[in-house]
Every structure is written in structure tokens, then in C-alpha cells.
Amino acid sequence: MYLVRPVDFADLPALERLAQQAGIGITNFPANRERLNDKIASSRRSFQTDVVQPGDESYLFVLVDTSNDQIIGCCGIDAMVGVDTPFYSYRIDEVVHASPQLQIHNRVPALFLCHDYSGTSRLIALVVDKAHQNTVAMSLLSRARLLFIARYPERFTARLFAELRGESDKHGYSSFWDALGKHFFPWTLKKPTTFPVSATKTSSRN
């Protein structure tokens, strides 16, 4: 049987294992012990805070196999992104180049840097151990956090979004990063990343 519960500090080794197994590309669940420990601390504070309206709270849950008390998955929710630090994303839009005199009308797809998701709740870090990636475990973990949102609507915004992992090969090469992302950072290594531009799902609880 599976059980979903809030994360605790004793779960850190299990979270490290899951993050390492998940591999590259999940920027909101890094395989970094210090950052994972910070996420646990933030989650514990958030659960203990009396919330009237959403802010910088972050909630992290773990999926437990009760037959051996082993942690086999995790998921989380950021109550509101863009509170303490800017939250950038890319929006796909079109640029129109037109000239009646020359009889030209071209519509060119383009990326625009934006803050469209600032002030919105974000679903994060849905990771399940490879040995337990079945329909029951995945469905329970995914729906549990939505049930938490439904039970405590004052803690979250009416709109939700989820980032999906960007495409990269087994060596960590991301063509999107190579074409765009790396040009805005001082290093030139081809590192994978995820951007909400083509990997964002939104939903509304209204």
C-alpha cells in the first residue's frame, strides 16, 4: 500500500536518491544535498504557517511504500512564484511583417521573455522511483497534492501551472539551451534546462 505524507528531515537521503535517479533537467528538484535540505526546511515552515493568502510558501510531499516504509516518490507545490525573486518564462507569439505596397504579409513565430506566471501557484518535483512507476503510484502522488490544494484553497492561487522537463540526451545536451539559454550566462557548457515556453500546463480552480 502507498501513503502520501509531508516531507521531514529524515527523508533527505531518500530525496537525494530520487533526485539522482531522476537525472538532469528537473530544475525545481536538484540533486544537491544543501538545496534539498532547504526545500525540506521551507516545506516544514509552510505547513506550520497560518496562511490567509498565498505567499512564498512551498510544500513537499513524499510517497511511502508502507510494506517496507521506503520512500519511493515525491511531489511539491509552490504557493506563488515570483514573490522573492523574478520568475521568467518564454511565451510563443507571432511577429507580423507586412507591407501593402510590396504585397508582403509574413507571420513569424517568436519567443518573448515575460512574467506571465508570476503570482501563480506551481506544481513541482513529481518524481517516482523507477521500480514503482506504475499507474497507482503515479496517480496517487499526482492527485494527492491537488486534493491538498482543494482542502486548503486559501494557500494557493486560482490558477496553477506545471513545468515539464525539457528535452535533452543522456549526456545532458539540450538543443534549446545551446540555441538560446547559454548565451545569457557566463559559462559556455551545454547544460540542460526547462522553460515554461513549451512545457507549461495551466489549470484553473474557478
C-alpha atoms as a PDB file:
ATOM      1  CA  MET A   1       0.000   0.000   0.000  1.00  0.00           C
ATOM      2  CA  TYR A   2       1.105   3.559  -0.680  1.00  0.00           C
ATOM      3  CA  LEU A   3       0.925   6.545   1.653  1.00  0.00           C
ATOM      4  CA  VAL A   4       1.474  10.252   0.912  1.00  0.00           C
ATOM      5  CA  ARG A   5       2.678  12.488   3.747  1.00  0.00           C
ATOM      6  CA  PRO A   6       4.565  15.784   4.260  1.00  0.00           C
ATOM      7  CA  VAL A   7       8.340  15.562   3.974  1.00  0.00           C
ATOM      8  CA  ASP A   8      10.616  15.502   7.043  1.00  0.00           C
ATOM      9  CA  PHE A   9      14.366  15.997   7.559  1.00  0.00           C
ATOM     10  CA  ALA A  10      14.861  12.248   7.986  1.00  0.00           C
ATOM     11  CA  ASP A  11      13.762  11.877   4.356  1.00  0.00           C
ATOM     12  CA  LEU A  12      16.792  13.742   2.979  1.00  0.00           C
ATOM     13  CA  PRO A  13      18.817  10.645   1.921  1.00  0.00           C
ATOM     14  CA  ALA A  14      15.771   9.287   0.085  1.00  0.00           C
ATOM     15  CA  LEU A  15      15.217  12.617  -1.674  1.00  0.00           C
ATOM     16  CA  GLU A  16      18.862  12.653  -2.753  1.00  0.00           C
ATOM     17  CA  ARG A  17      18.455   9.176  -4.204  1.00  0.00           C
ATOM     18  CA  LEU A  18      15.289  10.183  -6.089  1.00  0.00           C
ATOM     19  CA  ALA A  19      16.895  13.381  -7.412  1.00  0.00           C
ATOM     20  CA  GLN A  20      19.929  11.473  -8.674  1.00  0.00           C
ATOM     21  CA  GLN A  21      17.734   8.839 -10.256  1.00  0.00           C
ATOM     22  CA  ALA A  22      15.561  11.485 -11.911  1.00  0.00           C
ATOM     23  CA  GLY A  23      18.623  12.785 -13.716  1.00  0.00           C
ATOM     24  CA  ILE A  24      19.124  16.149 -15.350  1.00  0.00           C
ATOM     25  CA  GLY A  25      16.546  18.676 -16.412  1.00  0.00           C
ATOM     26  CA  ILE A  26      14.326  18.977 -13.330  1.00  0.00           C
ATOM     27  CA  THR A  27      15.444  22.389 -12.187  1.00  0.00           C
ATOM     28  CA  ASN A  28      12.998  22.576  -9.265  1.00  0.00           C
ATOM     29  CA  PHE A  29      14.273  19.309  -7.752  1.00  0.00           C
ATOM     30  CA  PRO A  30      18.090  19.425  -7.954  1.00  0.00           C
ATOM     31  CA  ALA A  31      20.406  16.590  -6.938  1.00  0.00           C
ATOM     32  CA  ASN A  32      22.060  18.857  -4.382  1.00  0.00           C
ATOM     33  CA  ARG A  33      22.000  17.952  -0.674  1.00  0.00           C
ATOM     34  CA  GLU A  34      22.064  21.542   0.601  1.00  0.00           C
ATOM     35  CA  ARG A  35      19.269  22.725  -1.663  1.00  0.00           C
ATOM     36  CA  LEU A  36      17.140  19.679  -0.906  1.00  0.00           C
ATOM     37  CA  ASN A  37      17.627  20.289   2.805  1.00  0.00           C
ATOM     38  CA  ASP A  38      16.482  23.885   2.269  1.00  0.00           C
ATOM     39  CA  LYS A  39      13.388  22.610   0.469  1.00  0.00           C
ATOM     40  CA  ILE A  40      12.548  20.374   3.430  1.00  0.00           C
ATOM     41  CA  ALA A  41      13.004  23.270   5.865  1.00  0.00           C
ATOM     42  CA  SER A  42      10.840  25.532   3.711  1.00  0.00           C
ATOM     43  CA  SER A  43       8.127  22.885   3.485  1.00  0.00           C
ATOM     44  CA  ARG A  44       8.036  22.343   7.242  1.00  0.00           C
ATOM     45  CA  ARG A  45       7.745  26.094   7.841  1.00  0.00           C
ATOM     46  CA  SER A  46       4.971  26.366   5.271  1.00  0.00           C
ATOM     47  CA  PHE A  47       2.891  23.587   6.821  1.00  0.00           C
ATOM     48  CA  GLN A  48       3.226  25.234  10.239  1.00  0.00           C
ATOM     49  CA  THR A  49       2.266  28.710   8.996  1.00  0.00           C
ATOM     50  CA  ASP A  50      -1.274  30.016   9.322  1.00  0.00           C
ATOM     51  CA  VAL A  51      -1.942  31.277   5.812  1.00  0.00           C
ATOM     52  CA  VAL A  52      -4.621  33.809   4.914  1.00  0.00           C
ATOM     53  CA  GLN A  53      -3.460  34.251   1.329  1.00  0.00           C
ATOM     54  CA  PRO A  54      -0.668  32.593  -0.679  1.00  0.00           C
ATOM     55  CA  GLY A  55       2.886  33.873  -0.496  1.00  0.00           C
ATOM     56  CA  ASP A  56       6.337  32.306  -0.672  1.00  0.00           C
ATOM     57  CA  GLU A  57       5.256  29.006   0.929  1.00  0.00           C
ATOM     58  CA  SER A  58       6.425  25.736  -0.585  1.00  0.00           C
ATOM     59  CA  TYR A  59       5.043  22.304   0.223  1.00  0.00           C
ATOM     60  CA  LEU A  60       6.811  18.999  -0.374  1.00  0.00           C
ATOM     61  CA  PHE A  61       5.257  15.538  -0.037  1.00  0.00           C
ATOM     62  CA  VAL A  62       6.737  12.043  -0.160  1.00  0.00           C
ATOM     63  CA  LEU A  63       5.227   8.774  -1.348  1.00  0.00           C
ATOM     64  CA  VAL A  64       5.872   5.864   1.023  1.00  0.00           C
ATOM     65  CA  ASP A  65       5.624   2.131   0.335  1.00  0.00           C
ATOM     66  CA  THR A  66       4.079   1.000   3.620  1.00  0.00           C
ATOM     67  CA  SER A  67       5.206  -2.604   3.121  1.00  0.00           C
ATOM     68  CA  ASN A  68       8.806  -1.625   3.892  1.00  0.00           C
ATOM     69  CA  ASP A  69       8.450   2.067   4.896  1.00  0.00           C
ATOM     70  CA  GLN A  70      10.598   3.079   1.927  1.00  0.00           C
ATOM     71  CA  ILE A  71      10.189   6.479   0.271  1.00  0.00           C
ATOM     72  CA  ILE A  72       9.606   5.886  -3.427  1.00  0.00           C
ATOM     73  CA  GLY A  73       8.452   9.259  -4.701  1.00  0.00           C
ATOM     74  CA  CYS A  74       7.874  12.919  -4.042  1.00  0.00           C
ATOM     75  CA  CYS A  75       5.940  15.901  -5.324  1.00  0.00           C
ATOM     76  CA  GLY A  76       5.502  19.517  -4.342  1.00  0.00           C
ATOM     77  CA  ILE A  77       3.672  22.811  -4.719  1.00  0.00           C
ATOM     78  CA  ASP A  78       4.984  26.368  -4.729  1.00  0.00           C
ATOM     79  CA  ALA A  79       2.183  28.560  -3.400  1.00  0.00           C
ATOM     80  CA  MET A  80       3.234  31.523  -5.558  1.00  0.00           C
ATOM     81  CA  VAL A  81       6.224  32.041  -7.826  1.00  0.00           C
ATOM     82  CA  GLY A  82       7.906  35.388  -8.343  1.00  0.00           C
ATOM     83  CA  VAL A  83       7.461  36.553  -4.740  1.00  0.00           C
ATOM     84  CA  ASP A  84      11.084  36.921  -3.606  1.00  0.00           C
ATOM     85  CA  THR A  85      12.831  36.584  -6.963  1.00  0.00           C
ATOM     86  CA  PRO A  86      11.638  37.264 -10.521  1.00  0.00           C
ATOM     87  CA  PHE A  87      10.121  34.304 -12.343  1.00  0.00           C
ATOM     88  CA  TYR A  88      10.866  34.450 -16.050  1.00  0.00           C
ATOM     89  CA  SER A  89       9.320  32.357 -18.768  1.00  0.00           C
ATOM     90  CA  TYR A  90       9.039  32.482 -22.540  1.00  0.00           C
ATOM     91  CA  ARG A  91       5.816  32.956 -24.436  1.00  0.00           C
ATOM     92  CA  ILE A  92       5.433  31.828 -28.047  1.00  0.00           C
ATOM     93  CA  ASP A  93       3.851  34.589 -30.079  1.00  0.00           C
ATOM     94  CA  GLU A  94       3.965  35.911 -33.605  1.00  0.00           C
ATOM     95  CA  VAL A  95       5.644  38.920 -35.147  1.00  0.00           C
ATOM     96  CA  VAL A  96       3.918  40.268 -38.239  1.00  0.00           C
ATOM     97  CA  HIS A  97       5.942  41.828 -41.045  1.00  0.00           C
ATOM     98  CA  ALA A  98       3.588  43.400 -43.557  1.00  0.00           C
ATOM     99  CA  SER A  99       3.757  45.870 -46.422  1.00  0.00           C
ATOM    100  CA  PRO A 100       0.685  46.521 -48.605  1.00  0.00           C
ATOM    101  CA  GLN A 101       2.857  48.290 -51.157  1.00  0.00           C
ATOM    102  CA  LEU A 102       5.121  45.271 -51.543  1.00  0.00           C
ATOM    103  CA  GLN A 103       2.262  42.811 -51.049  1.00  0.00           C
ATOM    104  CA  ILE A 104       4.100  41.148 -48.174  1.00  0.00           C
ATOM    105  CA  HIS A 105       2.463  39.682 -45.099  1.00  0.00           C
ATOM    106  CA  ASN A 106       4.621  37.335 -43.045  1.00  0.00           C
ATOM    107  CA  ARG A 107       3.830  35.935 -39.597  1.00  0.00           C
ATOM    108  CA  VAL A 108       6.977  34.777 -37.822  1.00  0.00           C
ATOM    109  CA  PRO A 109       6.817  32.700 -34.580  1.00  0.00           C
ATOM    110  CA  ALA A 110       8.995  34.255 -31.880  1.00  0.00           C
ATOM    111  CA  LEU A 111       9.846  33.843 -28.205  1.00  0.00           C
ATOM    112  CA  PHE A 112       9.137  36.705 -25.831  1.00  0.00           C
ATOM    113  CA  LEU A 113      10.596  36.881 -22.338  1.00  0.00           C
ATOM    114  CA  CYS A 114       7.750  37.516 -19.904  1.00  0.00           C
ATOM    115  CA  HIS A 115       6.436  37.311 -16.335  1.00  0.00           C
ATOM    116  CA  ASP A 116       3.123  35.674 -17.264  1.00  0.00           C
ATOM    117  CA  TYR A 117       3.260  33.142 -14.424  1.00  0.00           C
ATOM    118  CA  SER A 118       4.433  35.436 -11.633  1.00  0.00           C
ATOM    119  CA  GLY A 119       1.934  35.342  -8.784  1.00  0.00           C
ATOM    120  CA  THR A 120       0.718  31.855  -9.754  1.00  0.00           C
ATOM    121  CA  SER A 121       0.888  28.525  -7.904  1.00  0.00           C
ATOM    122  CA  ARG A 122       3.257  25.970  -9.423  1.00  0.00           C
ATOM    123  CA  LEU A 123       3.223  22.163  -9.307  1.00  0.00           C
ATOM    124  CA  ILE A 124       6.792  20.879  -8.929  1.00  0.00           C
ATOM    125  CA  ALA A 125       9.054  17.871  -8.411  1.00  0.00           C
ATOM    126  CA  LEU A 126       6.840  14.946  -9.400  1.00  0.00           C
ATOM    127  CA  VAL A 127       9.367  12.099  -9.186  1.00  0.00           C
ATOM    128  CA  VAL A 128       8.744   8.376  -8.669  1.00  0.00           C
ATOM    129  CA  ASP A 129      11.307   5.606  -8.241  1.00  0.00           C
ATOM    130  CA  LYS A 130      11.728   3.664 -11.477  1.00  0.00           C
ATOM    131  CA  ALA A 131      10.694   0.411  -9.795  1.00  0.00           C
ATOM    132  CA  HIS A 132       7.358   1.946  -8.792  1.00  0.00           C
ATOM    133  CA  GLN A 133       6.401   3.918 -11.871  1.00  0.00           C
ATOM    134  CA  ASN A 134       3.002   2.310 -12.164  1.00  0.00           C
ATOM    135  CA  THR A 135      -0.442   3.833 -12.646  1.00  0.00           C
ATOM    136  CA  VAL A 136      -1.437   3.563  -8.982  1.00  0.00           C
ATOM    137  CA  ALA A 137       1.674   5.233  -7.555  1.00  0.00           C
ATOM    138  CA  MET A 138       1.857   7.978 -10.181  1.00  0.00           C
ATOM    139  CA  SER A 139      -1.847   8.765  -9.970  1.00  0.00           C
ATOM    140  CA  LEU A 140      -1.929   8.837  -6.162  1.00  0.00           C
ATOM    141  CA  LEU A 141       1.091  11.120  -5.905  1.00  0.00           C
ATOM    142  CA  SER A 142      -0.152  13.473  -8.601  1.00  0.00           C
ATOM    143  CA  ARG A 143      -3.687  13.722  -7.226  1.00  0.00           C
ATOM    144  CA  ALA A 144      -2.698  13.968  -3.563  1.00  0.00           C
ATOM    145  CA  ARG A 145      -1.275  17.451  -3.974  1.00  0.00           C
ATOM    146  CA  LEU A 146      -4.375  18.544  -5.893  1.00  0.00           C
ATOM    147  CA  LEU A 147      -6.511  17.286  -3.028  1.00  0.00           C
ATOM    148  CA  PHE A 148      -4.359  19.302  -0.631  1.00  0.00           C
ATOM    149  CA  ILE A 149      -4.976  22.398  -2.762  1.00  0.00           C
ATOM    150  CA  ALA A 150      -8.719  21.699  -2.767  1.00  0.00           C
ATOM    151  CA  ARG A 151      -8.703  21.261   1.014  1.00  0.00           C
ATOM    152  CA  TYR A 152      -6.753  24.477   1.650  1.00  0.00           C
ATOM    153  CA  PRO A 153      -7.679  26.850  -1.214  1.00  0.00           C
ATOM    154  CA  GLU A 154      -6.605  29.911   0.797  1.00  0.00           C
ATOM    155  CA  ARG A 155      -2.991  28.726   0.497  1.00  0.00           C
ATOM    156  CA  PHE A 156      -2.938  28.811  -3.308  1.00  0.00           C
ATOM    157  CA  THR A 157      -3.937  30.910  -6.304  1.00  0.00           C
ATOM    158  CA  ALA A 158      -6.903  30.132  -8.541  1.00  0.00           C
ATOM    159  CA  ARG A 159      -4.579  29.291 -11.420  1.00  0.00           C
ATOM    160  CA  LEU A 160      -1.975  26.515 -11.405  1.00  0.00           C
ATOM    161  CA  PHE A 161       0.810  25.670 -13.795  1.00  0.00           C
ATOM    162  CA  ALA A 162       3.289  22.821 -14.111  1.00  0.00           C
ATOM    163  CA  GLU A 163       6.714  22.803 -15.716  1.00  0.00           C
ATOM    164  CA  LEU A 164       7.599  19.744 -17.754  1.00  0.00           C
ATOM    165  CA  ARG A 165      11.150  18.545 -18.222  1.00  0.00           C
ATOM    166  CA  GLY A 166      12.829  19.876 -21.344  1.00  0.00           C
ATOM    167  CA  GLU A 167      14.327  17.525 -23.905  1.00  0.00           C
ATOM    168  CA  SER A 168      17.972  16.531 -23.534  1.00  0.00           C
ATOM    169  CA  ASP A 169      20.069  13.498 -24.400  1.00  0.00           C
ATOM    170  CA  LYS A 170      21.784  11.079 -21.999  1.00  0.00           C
ATOM    171  CA  HIS A 171      24.860  13.309 -21.893  1.00  0.00           C
ATOM    172  CA  GLY A 172      22.848  16.327 -20.796  1.00  0.00           C
ATOM    173  CA  TYR A 173      22.907  18.110 -24.128  1.00  0.00           C
ATOM    174  CA  SER A 174      19.884  20.367 -24.660  1.00  0.00           C
ATOM    175  CA  SER A 175      19.416  21.889 -28.101  1.00  0.00           C
ATOM    176  CA  PHE A 176      17.169  24.599 -26.613  1.00  0.00           C
ATOM    177  CA  TRP A 177      19.825  25.558 -24.089  1.00  0.00           C
ATOM    178  CA  ASP A 178      22.512  25.522 -26.759  1.00  0.00           C
ATOM    179  CA  ALA A 179      20.474  27.721 -29.106  1.00  0.00           C
ATOM    180  CA  LEU A 180      19.257  30.221 -26.528  1.00  0.00           C
ATOM    181  CA  GLY A 181      19.944  29.745 -22.820  1.00  0.00           C
ATOM    182  CA  LYS A 182      23.739  29.571 -22.789  1.00  0.00           C
ATOM    183  CA  HIS A 183      24.061  32.977 -24.460  1.00  0.00           C
ATOM    184  CA  PHE A 184      22.741  34.702 -21.336  1.00  0.00           C
ATOM    185  CA  PHE A 185      25.187  33.129 -18.881  1.00  0.00           C
ATOM    186  CA  PRO A 186      28.971  33.494 -18.419  1.00  0.00           C
ATOM    187  CA  TRP A 187      29.733  29.836 -18.941  1.00  0.00           C
ATOM    188  CA  THR A 188      29.572  28.075 -22.305  1.00  0.00           C
ATOM    189  CA  LEU A 189      28.944  24.484 -21.238  1.00  0.00           C
ATOM    190  CA  LYS A 190      25.880  22.943 -22.811  1.00  0.00           C
ATOM    191  CA  LYS A 191      23.639  22.494 -19.815  1.00  0.00           C
ATOM    192  CA  PRO A 192      20.064  21.254 -19.855  1.00  0.00           C
ATOM    193  CA  THR A 193      17.243  23.331 -18.520  1.00  0.00           C
ATOM    194  CA  THR A 194      13.477  23.643 -18.631  1.00  0.00           C
ATOM    195  CA  PHE A 195      11.496  26.644 -19.710  1.00  0.00           C
ATOM    196  CA  PRO A 196       7.720  27.085 -19.429  1.00  0.00           C
ATOM    197  CA  VAL A 197       7.622  28.267 -23.042  1.00  0.00           C
ATOM    198  CA  SER A 198       6.742  24.867 -24.486  1.00  0.00           C
ATOM    199  CA  ALA A 199       6.343  22.852 -21.334  1.00  0.00           C
ATOM    200  CA  THR A 200       3.668  24.512 -19.273  1.00  0.00           C
ATOM    201  CA  LYS A 201       0.223  23.317 -18.416  1.00  0.00           C
ATOM    202  CA  THR A 202      -2.218  25.634 -16.736  1.00  0.00           C
ATOM    203  CA  SER A 203      -5.451  24.937 -14.974  1.00  0.00           C
ATOM    204  CA  SER A 204      -7.999  26.920 -13.043  1.00  0.00           C
ATOM    205  CA  ARG A 205      -9.823  26.042  -9.865  1.00  0.00           C
ATOM    206  CA  ASN A 206     -12.638  28.543 -10.574  1.00  0.00           C
END
